[in-house]
Amino acid sequence: MPLDFSRSAPLTFGVELELMVLNTHDFNLVRGAPDLLARLEKVKLPGGEVKPEITESMIEVNSSVHSRHAELLAELAGIRDAIVGCADKLNFAVAGGGTHPFHLWKERRIYPTERFKRVSELYGYLAKQFTVFGQHIHIGVESGDDAVYLTHHLAPYIPHFIALSASSPFSQGEDTSFETSRLHAVSSFPLAGQLPPVATWAEFNAYFDAMRGYGIVASMKDFYWDIRPKPEYGTVEIRVCDTPLTVEHAARLAAYAQALAAWHLAERPRQPARDVYLVNSHNRFEASRYGLRGELVEPYAGVKKRIGEDILETLELVAPHARRLECAEPLAELAAAVRAGDTDAAWLRARHAARGSLADVVRDACARWENTGQLQKQA
């Protein structure tokens, strides 16, 4: 049976945010998701929903579908406040960030749903090591053909989203020297990578049928690609971002994705570059290792440039669409942060230098998640 692609209103968008559930003693991860989710069931959220993730120290926020940045931000802020309030009653804390700085993967427990149990049985210890925290961004498209087109054309911007969201410099108690260490856990899965070189939804369906026929996949959820079509939602899903330390930054990243998609779908400025996926591994590594300071190979011109420089040039290209979509202000904030080298990874390292304790870094990240303004006084 072919995969039907559900049409969405073009350029509508939403996000998923995976969050840490922590104790308030030493700010390690705690098996608190079941209790926190049970309490949240009694609270009226402003939209969206909160769900379990693969281990019991994680929750996932799913936003509603929106057309404007301001609507998304208001909803995320309301959901954040509800989660923080419920967590406080349970003596838990919640934070963003791509990895917990010092937890041990062997201490994690799989959340007891049928799907998560199946993933654990299939992937063994990799499932517990998947206790990492990411932001996924969904962009609505009209057709499967548009989804394939946009998936390919967003691929050159993978290093942008990695560098802009990087918030996992610490892992297993050590500074990894990477801006994001989260992606190493994702890359361990055999179906990580990128969309195959198909040009239409019909071609993708033929590929999917073959993979399903071999018994390799059962659904789109089995592909852990950096960017993938999501036919049941009618979206393209960007999956490379670390969870930011604030909902404000999460909403800015979504606005950037929306403006990029608008530019490509409206102007169709480029044909697929032959070398996009040839240079993808190099560009992805540079973004993970060095963030905004990394060098990417621009696949159309075949030249190297700093990732931060390429982001700023791209923000200028999409500016007319950002104004039309009412997200010029958050993208201007994004540009200012790039020029200043202001990233979540840099903030976390600065807090560690000031505090000397990873537990205190997590404590500060919790406070930053709860109320950004209060923590700016400490930074």
Protein backbone atom coordinates (compact mmCIF):
# COMPACT_ATOMS: atom_id res chain seq x y z
CA MET A 1 0.00 0.00 0.00
CA PRO A 2 1.42 3.44 -0.91
CA LEU A 3 1.95 6.07 1.76
CA ASP A 4 -0.70 8.77 1.40
CA PHE A 5 0.55 12.30 1.96
CA SER A 6 -1.85 14.44 4.01
CA ARG A 7 -2.03 17.96 2.66
CA SER A 8 -1.25 20.77 5.12
CA ALA A 9 -1.66 24.50 4.80
CA PRO A 10 1.69 25.60 3.35
CA LEU A 11 4.16 27.13 5.81
CA THR A 12 2.15 26.34 8.90
CA PHE A 13 4.52 25.04 11.53
CA GLY A 14 4.94 23.44 14.92
CA VAL A 15 7.65 22.03 17.15
CA GLU A 16 8.46 19.12 19.43
CA LEU A 17 10.72 19.76 22.42
CA GLU A 18 12.27 16.97 24.48
CA LEU A 19 12.96 18.05 28.06
CA MET A 20 14.93 16.73 31.05
CA VAL A 21 13.13 15.72 34.24
CA LEU A 22 15.48 16.30 37.19
CA ASN A 23 15.65 15.92 40.94
CA THR A 24 16.28 19.06 42.98
CA HIS A 25 18.99 17.53 45.17
CA ASP A 26 21.93 17.10 42.79
CA PHE A 27 20.07 17.93 39.54
CA ASN A 28 20.63 14.51 38.03
CA LEU A 29 17.95 12.94 35.85
CA VAL A 30 15.14 11.30 37.79
CA ARG A 31 12.51 8.70 36.82
CA GLY A 32 9.85 11.34 37.20
CA ALA A 33 8.11 11.45 33.83
CA PRO A 34 5.19 9.15 34.79
CA ASP A 35 4.30 11.22 37.87
CA LEU A 36 4.80 14.52 36.06
CA LEU A 37 2.63 13.44 33.11
CA ALA A 38 -0.08 12.21 35.48
CA ARG A 39 -0.20 15.61 37.20
CA LEU A 40 -0.20 17.45 33.86
CA GLU A 41 -3.30 15.51 32.82
CA LYS A 42 -5.20 17.53 35.44
CA VAL A 43 -4.00 20.87 34.05
CA LYS A 44 -5.53 22.73 31.10
CA LEU A 45 -2.74 23.56 28.67
CA PRO A 46 -2.98 26.57 26.31
CA GLY A 47 -2.64 24.16 23.36
CA GLY A 48 -0.48 21.27 22.27
CA GLU A 49 0.24 18.28 24.48
CA VAL A 50 2.95 16.73 26.66
CA LYS A 51 3.89 13.08 26.10
CA PRO A 52 6.37 10.47 27.33
CA GLU A 53 9.67 9.89 25.56
CA ILE A 54 11.86 6.81 25.35
CA THR A 55 13.14 6.87 28.96
CA GLU A 56 11.42 7.82 32.19
CA SER A 57 13.60 10.89 32.67
CA MET A 58 12.24 12.64 29.59
CA ILE A 59 9.05 14.34 28.44
CA GLU A 60 8.14 15.71 25.03
CA VAL A 61 6.19 18.89 24.32
CA ASN A 62 4.20 18.90 21.07
CA SER A 63 2.94 22.32 20.03
CA SER A 64 -0.22 22.98 18.08
CA VAL A 65 -0.07 23.99 14.41
CA HIS A 66 0.56 27.70 13.88
CA SER A 67 1.08 30.17 11.06
CA ARG A 68 2.87 32.92 13.01
CA HIS A 69 5.86 33.03 15.37
CA ALA A 70 4.08 35.05 18.05
CA GLU A 71 1.32 32.43 18.36
CA LEU A 72 3.84 29.61 18.71
CA LEU A 73 5.88 31.47 21.31
CA ALA A 74 2.82 32.32 23.42
CA GLU A 75 1.71 28.69 23.43
CA LEU A 76 5.17 27.33 24.27
CA ALA A 77 5.50 29.83 27.13
CA GLY A 78 2.14 28.73 28.54
CA ILE A 79 3.03 25.04 28.30
CA ARG A 80 6.40 25.73 29.92
CA ASP A 81 4.73 27.49 32.82
CA ALA A 82 2.31 24.60 33.33
CA ILE A 83 5.13 22.03 33.30
CA VAL A 84 7.26 24.06 35.70
CA GLY A 85 4.32 24.48 38.10
CA CYS A 86 3.53 20.75 38.12
CA ALA A 87 7.19 19.78 38.45
CA ASP A 88 7.61 22.10 41.43
CA LYS A 89 4.73 20.40 43.27
CA LEU A 90 6.52 17.07 42.82
CA ASN A 91 9.90 18.50 43.88
CA PHE A 92 11.21 18.02 40.35
CA ALA A 93 12.83 20.49 37.98
CA VAL A 94 12.79 20.70 34.18
CA ALA A 95 15.40 21.99 31.74
CA GLY A 96 16.28 22.26 28.08
CA GLY A 97 19.67 21.40 26.60
CA GLY A 98 20.74 18.64 24.22
CA THR A 99 22.33 16.31 26.79
CA HIS A 100 22.38 16.01 30.54
CA PRO A 101 25.98 16.91 31.50
CA PHE A 102 26.73 14.04 33.89
CA HIS A 103 24.02 11.36 33.92
CA LEU A 104 24.97 7.72 33.27
CA TRP A 105 23.02 6.03 30.50
CA LYS A 106 22.94 2.65 32.29
CA GLU A 107 20.82 4.19 35.07
CA ARG A 108 17.99 5.08 32.70
CA ARG A 109 14.76 3.07 32.43
CA ILE A 110 12.72 2.64 29.26
CA TYR A 111 9.25 4.19 29.39
CA PRO A 112 6.83 1.23 29.31
CA THR A 113 4.98 1.79 26.04
CA GLU A 114 4.77 -0.83 23.33
CA ARG A 115 6.78 1.23 20.83
CA PHE A 116 9.57 2.11 23.27
CA LYS A 117 9.85 -1.51 24.43
CA ARG A 118 10.16 -2.57 20.78
CA VAL A 119 12.87 0.03 20.14
CA SER A 120 14.75 -1.18 23.23
CA GLU A 121 14.54 -4.80 22.14
CA LEU A 122 15.80 -3.90 18.66
CA TYR A 123 18.59 -1.49 19.55
CA GLY A 124 19.75 -2.71 22.95
CA TYR A 125 21.86 -0.26 24.92
CA LEU A 126 21.54 2.36 22.18
CA ALA A 127 17.96 2.93 23.33
CA LYS A 128 19.09 4.09 26.79
CA GLN A 129 21.90 6.13 25.25
CA PHE A 130 19.15 7.87 23.29
CA THR A 131 18.39 9.83 26.47
CA VAL A 132 19.26 13.00 24.61
CA PHE A 133 17.05 15.99 24.03
CA GLY A 134 16.19 17.56 20.70
CA GLN A 135 13.89 20.03 19.02
CA HIS A 136 12.03 18.91 15.90
CA ILE A 137 10.50 21.52 13.58
CA HIS A 138 7.58 20.67 11.26
CA ILE A 139 6.80 22.78 8.19
CA GLY A 140 3.50 22.23 6.38
CA VAL A 141 3.46 21.55 2.63
CA GLU A 142 0.70 20.94 0.08
CA SER A 143 1.92 17.70 -1.44
CA GLY A 144 4.34 14.82 -1.21
CA ASP A 145 6.26 16.22 -4.19
CA ASP A 146 6.74 19.51 -2.31
CA ALA A 147 7.87 17.52 0.74
CA VAL A 148 10.55 15.72 -1.28
CA TYR A 149 11.64 19.00 -2.90
CA LEU A 150 11.87 20.82 0.43
CA THR A 151 13.61 17.96 2.23
CA HIS A 152 16.40 18.00 -0.36
CA HIS A 153 16.65 21.79 -0.49
CA LEU A 154 16.81 22.23 3.28
CA ALA A 155 19.73 19.78 3.49
CA PRO A 156 22.43 22.46 2.89
CA TYR A 157 21.13 24.28 6.00
CA ILE A 158 21.61 21.33 8.34
CA PRO A 159 24.82 22.94 9.74
CA HIS A 160 22.87 26.17 10.37
CA PHE A 161 20.34 24.44 12.60
CA ILE A 162 23.01 22.39 14.36
CA ALA A 163 25.14 25.46 15.14
CA LEU A 164 22.22 27.71 16.10
CA SER A 165 20.73 25.18 18.52
CA ALA A 166 23.91 23.61 19.95
CA SER A 167 23.43 23.13 23.70
CA SER A 168 25.22 19.90 24.62
CA PRO A 169 28.93 20.56 25.15
CA PHE A 170 29.05 18.28 28.22
CA SER A 171 28.45 14.53 28.35
CA GLN A 172 29.15 11.85 30.97
CA GLY A 173 30.75 14.49 33.23
CA GLU A 174 33.22 15.81 30.64
CA ASP A 175 33.54 18.76 28.29
CA THR A 176 33.40 16.97 24.93
CA SER A 177 35.08 19.85 23.02
CA PHE A 178 32.02 19.74 20.73
CA GLU A 179 29.29 22.37 20.66
CA THR A 180 26.77 19.53 20.44
CA SER A 181 27.41 15.96 21.51
CA ARG A 182 23.75 14.91 21.15
CA LEU A 183 24.02 14.05 17.48
CA HIS A 184 26.52 11.26 18.18
CA ALA A 185 23.74 9.27 19.85
CA VAL A 186 21.41 9.83 16.89
CA SER A 187 24.08 8.85 14.36
CA SER A 188 24.52 5.46 16.02
CA PHE A 189 21.21 4.22 14.61
CA PRO A 190 21.48 2.27 11.34
CA LEU A 191 18.68 4.25 9.68
CA ALA A 192 20.20 7.66 10.42
CA GLY A 193 21.35 9.82 7.53
CA GLN A 194 19.34 11.46 4.79
CA LEU A 195 16.56 11.00 2.27
CA PRO A 196 17.64 8.87 -0.71
CA PRO A 197 18.03 10.58 -4.13
CA VAL A 198 14.37 10.48 -5.12
CA ALA A 199 12.73 13.38 -6.96
CA THR A 200 9.00 12.75 -6.44
CA TRP A 201 6.65 11.27 -3.87
CA ALA A 202 5.96 8.38 -6.22
CA GLU A 203 9.67 7.57 -6.31
CA PHE A 204 9.83 7.79 -2.53
CA ASN A 205 6.88 5.42 -2.24
CA ALA A 206 8.71 2.89 -4.39
CA TYR A 207 11.75 3.19 -2.09
CA PHE A 208 9.59 2.86 1.03
CA ASP A 209 7.79 -0.18 -0.37
CA ALA A 210 11.13 -1.87 -1.01
CA MET A 211 12.39 -1.13 2.51
CA ARG A 212 9.13 -2.34 4.03
CA GLY A 213 9.20 -5.42 1.82
CA TYR A 214 12.65 -6.31 3.16
CA GLY A 215 11.29 -5.98 6.69
CA ILE A 216 13.70 -3.14 7.48
CA VAL A 217 11.04 -0.53 8.30
CA ALA A 218 7.39 -0.58 9.30
CA SER A 219 6.68 3.18 9.26
CA MET A 220 8.31 6.56 8.73
CA LYS A 221 9.21 6.60 12.45
CA ASP A 222 11.89 4.01 11.70
CA PHE A 223 13.92 6.55 9.69
CA TYR A 224 16.17 8.67 11.93
CA TRP A 225 17.11 11.06 9.12
CA ASP A 226 18.26 14.63 9.76
CA ILE A 227 15.27 15.86 7.74
CA ARG A 228 12.38 13.66 6.68
CA PRO A 229 8.91 13.92 5.15
CA LYS A 230 6.13 13.24 7.64
CA PRO A 231 3.21 12.14 5.44
CA GLU A 232 0.65 11.60 8.21
CA TYR A 233 1.08 15.27 9.26
CA GLY A 234 1.65 16.71 5.79
CA THR A 235 4.97 18.20 6.87
CA VAL A 236 8.71 18.20 6.45
CA GLU A 237 10.43 17.56 9.79
CA ILE A 238 13.85 19.03 10.69
CA ARG A 239 15.38 16.80 13.40
CA VAL A 240 18.98 18.01 13.97
CA CYS A 241 18.41 20.67 16.63
CA ASP A 242 19.37 20.32 20.28
CA THR A 243 16.60 21.43 22.60
CA PRO A 244 17.37 25.10 23.34
CA LEU A 245 17.65 26.43 26.88
CA THR A 246 14.63 28.72 26.41
CA VAL A 247 11.29 28.59 24.60
CA GLU A 248 12.15 31.96 23.05
CA HIS A 249 15.09 30.46 21.19
CA ALA A 250 13.05 27.40 20.20
CA ALA A 251 10.46 29.68 18.59
CA ARG A 252 13.18 31.68 16.79
CA LEU A 253 14.59 28.49 15.25
CA ALA A 254 11.12 27.52 14.05
CA ALA A 255 10.65 30.96 12.52
CA TYR A 256 13.95 30.59 10.65
CA ALA A 257 12.82 27.23 9.26
CA GLN A 258 9.50 28.75 8.17
CA ALA A 259 11.20 31.65 6.36
CA LEU A 260 13.68 29.32 4.66
CA ALA A 261 10.87 27.08 3.47
CA ALA A 262 8.89 30.09 2.21
CA TRP A 263 11.85 31.30 0.15
CA HIS A 264 12.43 27.91 -1.44
CA LEU A 265 8.80 27.09 -2.14
CA ALA A 266 7.94 30.53 -3.52
CA GLU A 267 11.03 31.29 -5.59
CA ARG A 268 12.44 27.81 -6.34
CA PRO A 269 15.82 29.58 -6.49
CA ARG A 270 18.01 26.53 -7.06
CA GLN A 271 18.06 23.13 -8.65
CA PRO A 272 19.22 20.33 -6.35
CA ALA A 273 22.98 20.54 -6.01
CA ARG A 274 24.73 17.35 -7.01
CA ASP A 275 27.18 17.70 -4.14
CA VAL A 276 24.75 18.53 -1.30
CA TYR A 277 24.97 15.09 0.25
CA LEU A 278 28.59 14.62 -0.80
CA VAL A 279 29.64 17.41 1.58
CA ASN A 280 26.94 16.76 4.18
CA SER A 281 29.07 14.66 6.55
CA HIS A 282 31.87 17.23 6.56
CA ASN A 283 29.49 20.16 7.12
CA ARG A 284 27.60 18.32 9.82
CA PHE A 285 30.82 17.52 11.69
CA GLU A 286 32.07 21.11 11.49
CA ALA A 287 28.81 22.41 12.90
CA SER A 288 28.76 19.85 15.70
CA ARG A 289 32.41 20.40 16.61
CA TYR A 290 32.84 24.16 16.18
CA GLY A 291 29.33 25.60 15.92
CA LEU A 292 29.18 29.05 14.33
CA ARG A 293 32.98 29.04 13.95
CA GLY A 294 32.95 25.90 11.82
CA GLU A 295 33.61 25.93 8.08
CA LEU A 296 31.12 24.46 5.67
CA VAL A 297 31.55 23.66 2.01
CA GLU A 298 28.86 25.58 0.12
CA PRO A 299 27.66 22.89 -2.34
CA TYR A 300 26.48 25.27 -5.07
CA ALA A 301 29.62 27.41 -5.35
CA GLY A 302 31.99 24.76 -4.04
CA VAL A 303 33.68 27.20 -1.64
CA LYS A 304 34.34 27.12 2.09
CA LYS A 305 32.87 29.71 4.42
CA ARG A 306 32.21 30.15 8.12
CA ILE A 307 28.88 28.76 9.22
CA GLY A 308 27.99 31.98 11.04
CA GLU A 309 28.74 33.99 7.91
CA ASP A 310 26.55 31.72 5.80
CA ILE A 311 23.69 32.06 8.30
CA LEU A 312 23.85 35.85 8.14
CA GLU A 313 23.86 35.83 4.33
CA THR A 314 20.89 33.46 4.29
CA LEU A 315 18.95 35.60 6.76
CA GLU A 316 19.28 38.51 4.32
CA LEU A 317 18.01 36.36 1.45
CA VAL A 318 14.89 35.25 3.32
CA ALA A 319 14.18 38.67 4.88
CA PRO A 320 11.30 39.60 2.50
CA HIS A 321 9.53 36.36 3.36
CA ALA A 322 10.22 36.87 7.07
CA ARG A 323 8.49 40.25 6.91
CA ARG A 324 5.48 38.73 5.14
CA LEU A 325 5.29 35.97 7.75
CA GLU A 326 5.67 38.47 10.63
CA CYS A 327 8.87 36.92 11.93
CA ALA A 328 11.40 39.61 10.98
CA GLU A 329 11.99 40.52 14.64
CA PRO A 330 12.94 37.03 15.89
CA LEU A 331 15.21 36.56 12.86
CA ALA A 332 16.88 39.90 13.64
CA GLU A 333 17.46 38.57 17.17
CA LEU A 334 18.95 35.42 15.66
CA ALA A 335 21.31 37.50 13.49
CA ALA A 336 22.41 39.58 16.50
CA ALA A 337 23.19 36.42 18.46
CA VAL A 338 25.24 35.04 15.55
CA ARG A 339 27.27 38.24 15.29
CA ALA A 340 27.94 38.15 19.04
CA GLY A 341 28.72 34.41 19.11
CA ASP A 342 25.93 34.08 21.66
CA THR A 343 24.95 30.39 21.78
CA ASP A 344 23.52 28.06 24.40
CA ALA A 345 26.72 25.98 24.33
CA ALA A 346 28.78 29.09 25.10
CA TRP A 347 26.40 30.00 27.91
CA LEU A 348 26.71 26.54 29.48
CA ARG A 349 30.50 26.65 29.33
CA ALA A 350 30.50 30.13 30.85
CA ARG A 351 28.29 28.94 33.72
CA HIS A 352 30.66 26.03 34.33
CA ALA A 353 33.65 28.36 34.39
CA ALA A 354 31.84 30.59 36.89
CA ARG A 355 30.36 27.85 39.07
CA GLY A 356 32.88 25.01 38.83
CA SER A 357 30.18 22.36 39.19
CA LEU A 358 28.11 20.62 36.52
CA ALA A 359 25.27 20.20 39.02
CA ASP A 360 25.19 23.98 39.41
CA VAL A 361 25.25 24.36 35.61
CA VAL A 362 22.09 22.22 35.43
CA ARG A 363 20.55 24.20 38.29
CA ASP A 364 21.17 27.40 36.32
CA ALA A 365 19.80 25.82 33.13
CA CYS A 366 16.59 25.00 35.02
CA ALA A 367 16.26 28.61 36.12
CA ARG A 368 16.97 29.81 32.59
CA TRP A 369 14.23 27.54 31.25
CA GLU A 370 11.78 28.83 33.85
CA ASN A 371 12.55 32.54 33.50
CA THR A 372 15.14 33.75 31.03
CA GLY A 373 15.24 37.31 32.33
CA GLN A 374 16.19 36.29 35.85
CA LEU A 375 19.22 34.32 34.68
CA GLN A 376 20.53 37.06 32.40
CA LYS A 377 21.67 38.89 35.54
CA GLN A 378 24.03 35.99 36.30
CA ALA A 379 25.43 35.54 32.76
